[in-house]
N, C-alpha and C. Protein backbone atom coordinates (compact mmCIF):
# COMPACT_ATOMS: atom_id res chain seq x y z
N UNK A 1 45.59 72.72 101.16
CA UNK A 1 46.15 73.58 102.16
C UNK A 1 45.96 75.04 101.75
N UNK A 2 45.83 75.89 102.75
CA UNK A 2 45.60 77.30 102.50
C UNK A 2 46.90 78.09 102.57
N UNK A 3 46.96 79.16 101.82
CA UNK A 3 48.11 80.04 101.94
C UNK A 3 47.75 81.28 102.75
N UNK A 4 46.59 81.25 103.42
CA UNK A 4 46.14 82.40 104.19
C UNK A 4 45.82 82.07 105.64
N UNK A 5 46.43 81.07 106.19
CA UNK A 5 46.23 80.74 107.59
C UNK A 5 47.34 81.42 108.39
N UNK A 6 46.96 82.14 109.45
CA UNK A 6 47.92 82.84 110.29
C UNK A 6 47.79 82.32 111.72
N UNK A 7 48.92 82.18 112.39
CA UNK A 7 48.94 81.69 113.77
C UNK A 7 49.70 82.67 114.63
N UNK A 8 49.23 82.90 115.87
CA UNK A 8 49.98 83.76 116.77
C UNK A 8 51.28 83.06 117.19
N UNK A 9 52.29 83.85 117.48
CA UNK A 9 53.57 83.28 117.91
C UNK A 9 53.54 82.87 119.38
N UNK A 10 52.63 83.48 120.17
CA UNK A 10 52.48 83.11 121.57
C UNK A 10 51.10 83.55 122.03
N UNK A 11 50.69 83.04 123.18
CA UNK A 11 49.41 83.43 123.73
C UNK A 11 48.31 82.43 123.41
N UNK A 12 47.09 82.89 123.52
CA UNK A 12 45.91 82.04 123.33
C UNK A 12 45.33 82.27 121.95
N UNK A 13 44.89 81.20 121.34
CA UNK A 13 44.26 81.29 120.03
C UNK A 13 43.00 80.44 120.02
N UNK A 14 41.97 80.92 119.40
CA UNK A 14 40.73 80.15 119.20
C UNK A 14 40.75 79.66 117.76
N UNK A 15 40.65 78.36 117.57
CA UNK A 15 40.71 77.84 116.21
C UNK A 15 40.05 76.47 116.14
N UNK A 16 39.93 75.97 114.95
CA UNK A 16 39.34 74.66 114.73
C UNK A 16 40.42 73.59 114.87
N UNK A 17 39.99 72.35 115.01
CA UNK A 17 40.94 71.25 115.09
C UNK A 17 41.75 71.15 113.80
N UNK A 18 41.12 71.42 112.67
CA UNK A 18 41.84 71.40 111.39
C UNK A 18 42.97 72.44 111.40
N UNK A 19 42.72 73.60 112.00
CA UNK A 19 43.76 74.63 112.07
C UNK A 19 44.89 74.22 113.01
N UNK A 20 44.56 73.52 114.10
CA UNK A 20 45.59 73.00 114.99
C UNK A 20 46.48 72.02 114.23
N UNK A 21 45.85 71.12 113.50
CA UNK A 21 46.62 70.15 112.71
C UNK A 21 47.54 70.84 111.70
N UNK A 22 47.02 71.88 111.06
CA UNK A 22 47.83 72.60 110.07
C UNK A 22 48.99 73.32 110.76
N UNK A 23 48.74 73.92 111.91
CA UNK A 23 49.80 74.60 112.65
C UNK A 23 50.90 73.60 113.03
N UNK A 24 50.50 72.43 113.50
CA UNK A 24 51.48 71.39 113.84
C UNK A 24 52.27 70.95 112.61
N UNK A 25 51.57 70.81 111.49
CA UNK A 25 52.24 70.42 110.24
C UNK A 25 53.29 71.45 109.84
N UNK A 26 53.00 72.73 110.12
CA UNK A 26 53.92 73.81 109.77
C UNK A 26 55.01 74.02 110.82
N UNK A 27 55.00 73.19 111.89
CA UNK A 27 56.08 73.25 112.86
C UNK A 27 55.77 74.00 114.15
N UNK A 28 54.51 74.36 114.38
CA UNK A 28 54.16 75.06 115.62
C UNK A 28 54.40 74.18 116.83
N UNK A 29 54.77 74.81 117.92
CA UNK A 29 54.92 74.12 119.20
C UNK A 29 53.71 74.49 120.06
N UNK A 30 52.88 73.53 120.37
CA UNK A 30 51.66 73.77 121.14
C UNK A 30 51.82 73.10 122.49
N UNK A 31 51.63 73.88 123.57
CA UNK A 31 51.85 73.32 124.91
C UNK A 31 50.56 72.84 125.58
N UNK A 32 49.43 73.37 125.18
CA UNK A 32 48.18 72.99 125.83
C UNK A 32 47.03 73.18 124.84
N UNK A 33 46.12 72.22 124.81
CA UNK A 33 44.92 72.32 123.97
C UNK A 33 43.71 72.03 124.84
N UNK A 34 42.72 72.90 124.77
CA UNK A 34 41.43 72.66 125.39
C UNK A 34 40.41 72.70 124.27
N UNK A 35 39.43 71.83 124.33
CA UNK A 35 38.46 71.79 123.26
C UNK A 35 37.05 71.53 123.73
N UNK A 36 36.12 71.87 122.88
CA UNK A 36 34.70 71.65 123.12
C UNK A 36 34.11 71.07 121.84
N UNK A 37 33.24 70.11 121.97
CA UNK A 37 32.58 69.54 120.81
C UNK A 37 31.20 69.03 121.18
N UNK A 38 30.44 68.66 120.19
CA UNK A 38 29.12 68.09 120.43
C UNK A 38 28.73 67.23 119.24
N UNK A 39 27.79 66.34 119.48
CA UNK A 39 27.23 65.54 118.39
C UNK A 39 25.92 66.20 117.97
N UNK A 40 25.85 66.68 116.74
CA UNK A 40 24.65 67.38 116.30
C UNK A 40 23.45 66.44 116.18
N UNK A 41 22.31 66.96 116.57
CA UNK A 41 21.06 66.24 116.40
C UNK A 41 20.36 66.69 115.13
N UNK A 42 19.16 66.19 114.88
CA UNK A 42 18.43 66.56 113.67
C UNK A 42 18.20 68.06 113.51
N UNK A 43 17.96 68.77 114.62
CA UNK A 43 17.70 70.21 114.50
C UNK A 43 18.95 70.98 114.05
N UNK A 44 20.15 70.50 114.43
CA UNK A 44 21.37 71.14 113.96
C UNK A 44 21.72 70.70 112.54
N UNK A 45 21.56 69.44 112.26
CA UNK A 45 21.90 68.91 110.94
C UNK A 45 21.03 69.54 109.85
N UNK A 46 19.76 69.76 110.15
CA UNK A 46 18.83 70.32 109.17
C UNK A 46 18.62 71.82 109.33
N UNK A 47 19.45 72.50 110.09
CA UNK A 47 19.27 73.92 110.37
C UNK A 47 19.51 74.77 109.12
N UNK A 48 18.70 75.82 108.93
CA UNK A 48 18.90 76.69 107.76
C UNK A 48 20.30 77.32 107.70
N UNK A 49 20.90 77.60 108.86
CA UNK A 49 22.25 78.19 108.85
C UNK A 49 23.25 77.22 108.24
N UNK A 50 23.08 75.94 108.45
CA UNK A 50 23.98 74.94 107.85
C UNK A 50 23.84 74.94 106.33
N UNK A 51 22.59 74.98 105.88
CA UNK A 51 22.37 75.01 104.42
C UNK A 51 22.97 76.29 103.81
N UNK A 52 22.82 77.41 104.51
CA UNK A 52 23.40 78.69 104.07
C UNK A 52 24.92 78.56 103.96
N UNK A 53 25.55 78.01 105.02
CA UNK A 53 27.01 77.88 105.03
C UNK A 53 27.49 76.95 103.91
N UNK A 54 26.83 75.83 103.75
CA UNK A 54 27.23 74.89 102.68
C UNK A 54 27.10 75.53 101.31
N UNK A 55 26.02 76.29 101.11
CA UNK A 55 25.80 76.95 99.83
C UNK A 55 26.92 77.96 99.53
N UNK A 56 27.26 78.80 100.52
CA UNK A 56 28.28 79.81 100.26
C UNK A 56 29.69 79.24 100.23
N UNK A 57 29.94 78.12 100.93
CA UNK A 57 31.25 77.47 100.79
C UNK A 57 31.42 76.95 99.36
N UNK A 58 30.35 76.39 98.82
CA UNK A 58 30.42 75.90 97.44
C UNK A 58 30.58 77.05 96.45
N UNK A 59 29.83 78.14 96.66
CA UNK A 59 29.96 79.32 95.79
C UNK A 59 31.38 79.87 95.85
N UNK A 60 31.96 79.91 97.05
CA UNK A 60 33.33 80.42 97.22
C UNK A 60 34.32 79.56 96.45
N UNK A 61 34.13 78.23 96.52
CA UNK A 61 35.04 77.31 95.82
C UNK A 61 34.96 77.48 94.30
N UNK A 62 33.80 77.85 93.80
CA UNK A 62 33.59 77.90 92.35
C UNK A 62 33.84 79.26 91.72
N UNK A 63 34.24 80.25 92.53
CA UNK A 63 34.42 81.60 91.98
C UNK A 63 35.84 82.08 92.22
N UNK A 64 36.15 83.23 91.61
CA UNK A 64 37.48 83.83 91.74
C UNK A 64 37.34 85.32 91.93
N UNK A 65 38.44 85.94 92.36
CA UNK A 65 38.51 87.39 92.46
C UNK A 65 37.49 88.00 93.41
N UNK A 66 36.90 89.12 92.97
CA UNK A 66 35.96 89.86 93.81
C UNK A 66 34.73 89.02 94.17
N UNK A 67 34.29 88.19 93.23
CA UNK A 67 33.12 87.35 93.52
C UNK A 67 33.43 86.33 94.62
N UNK A 68 34.63 85.76 94.59
CA UNK A 68 35.04 84.82 95.63
C UNK A 68 35.11 85.53 96.98
N UNK A 69 35.68 86.74 96.98
CA UNK A 69 35.78 87.52 98.22
C UNK A 69 34.39 87.85 98.76
N UNK A 70 33.47 88.22 97.89
CA UNK A 70 32.10 88.52 98.31
C UNK A 70 31.44 87.29 98.92
N UNK A 71 31.61 86.14 98.29
CA UNK A 71 31.02 84.91 98.83
C UNK A 71 31.63 84.56 100.18
N UNK A 72 32.93 84.80 100.36
CA UNK A 72 33.58 84.55 101.64
C UNK A 72 33.01 85.48 102.71
N UNK A 73 32.85 86.75 102.37
CA UNK A 73 32.31 87.71 103.33
C UNK A 73 30.87 87.38 103.71
N UNK A 74 30.07 86.95 102.74
CA UNK A 74 28.69 86.55 103.03
C UNK A 74 28.64 85.31 103.91
N UNK A 75 29.55 84.39 103.69
CA UNK A 75 29.63 83.19 104.52
C UNK A 75 30.01 83.57 105.95
N UNK A 76 31.04 84.41 106.10
CA UNK A 76 31.51 84.79 107.42
C UNK A 76 30.57 85.74 108.16
N UNK A 77 29.81 86.55 107.42
CA UNK A 77 28.94 87.55 108.04
C UNK A 77 27.92 86.93 108.99
N UNK A 78 27.34 85.82 108.62
CA UNK A 78 26.31 85.20 109.45
C UNK A 78 26.88 84.70 110.77
N UNK A 79 28.11 84.18 110.76
CA UNK A 79 28.65 83.50 111.93
C UNK A 79 29.61 84.36 112.75
N UNK A 80 30.07 85.47 112.23
CA UNK A 80 31.06 86.29 112.91
C UNK A 80 30.65 86.75 114.30
N UNK A 81 29.41 87.15 114.48
CA UNK A 81 28.95 87.63 115.79
C UNK A 81 28.94 86.52 116.83
N UNK A 82 28.80 85.27 116.41
CA UNK A 82 28.77 84.16 117.36
C UNK A 82 30.12 83.95 118.04
N UNK A 83 31.20 84.28 117.37
CA UNK A 83 32.53 84.04 117.93
C UNK A 83 33.21 85.31 118.40
N UNK A 84 32.52 86.44 118.29
CA UNK A 84 33.07 87.69 118.76
C UNK A 84 33.19 87.64 120.29
N UNK A 85 34.30 88.09 120.81
CA UNK A 85 34.49 88.08 122.26
C UNK A 85 34.24 89.47 122.83
N UNK A 86 34.12 89.57 124.13
CA UNK A 86 33.88 90.86 124.79
C UNK A 86 35.02 91.82 124.44
N UNK A 87 36.25 91.31 124.34
CA UNK A 87 37.40 92.13 123.99
C UNK A 87 37.23 92.75 122.60
N UNK A 88 36.57 92.01 121.68
CA UNK A 88 36.38 92.48 120.31
C UNK A 88 35.37 93.61 120.21
N UNK A 89 34.42 93.65 121.14
CA UNK A 89 33.31 94.61 121.07
C UNK A 89 33.75 96.03 121.30
């Protein structure tokens, strides 16, 4: 479990199913869930971005301090623009 997961007290939140489960475990009251998913094919499973993410997740797990933070930022940097909303721009 993480000590750095934050949840809004009300409104809409975009998160993973794992984060929903953690919020429920911590006592959150959720009134509605909408979700999207897909079954990855070979092009997604073997995609270079997946290998990049797996590599930096492992690096993040094996490091501490500034190096861990750097690995986290490098992991998030590639994918951050994909989830940015018009409101964020």
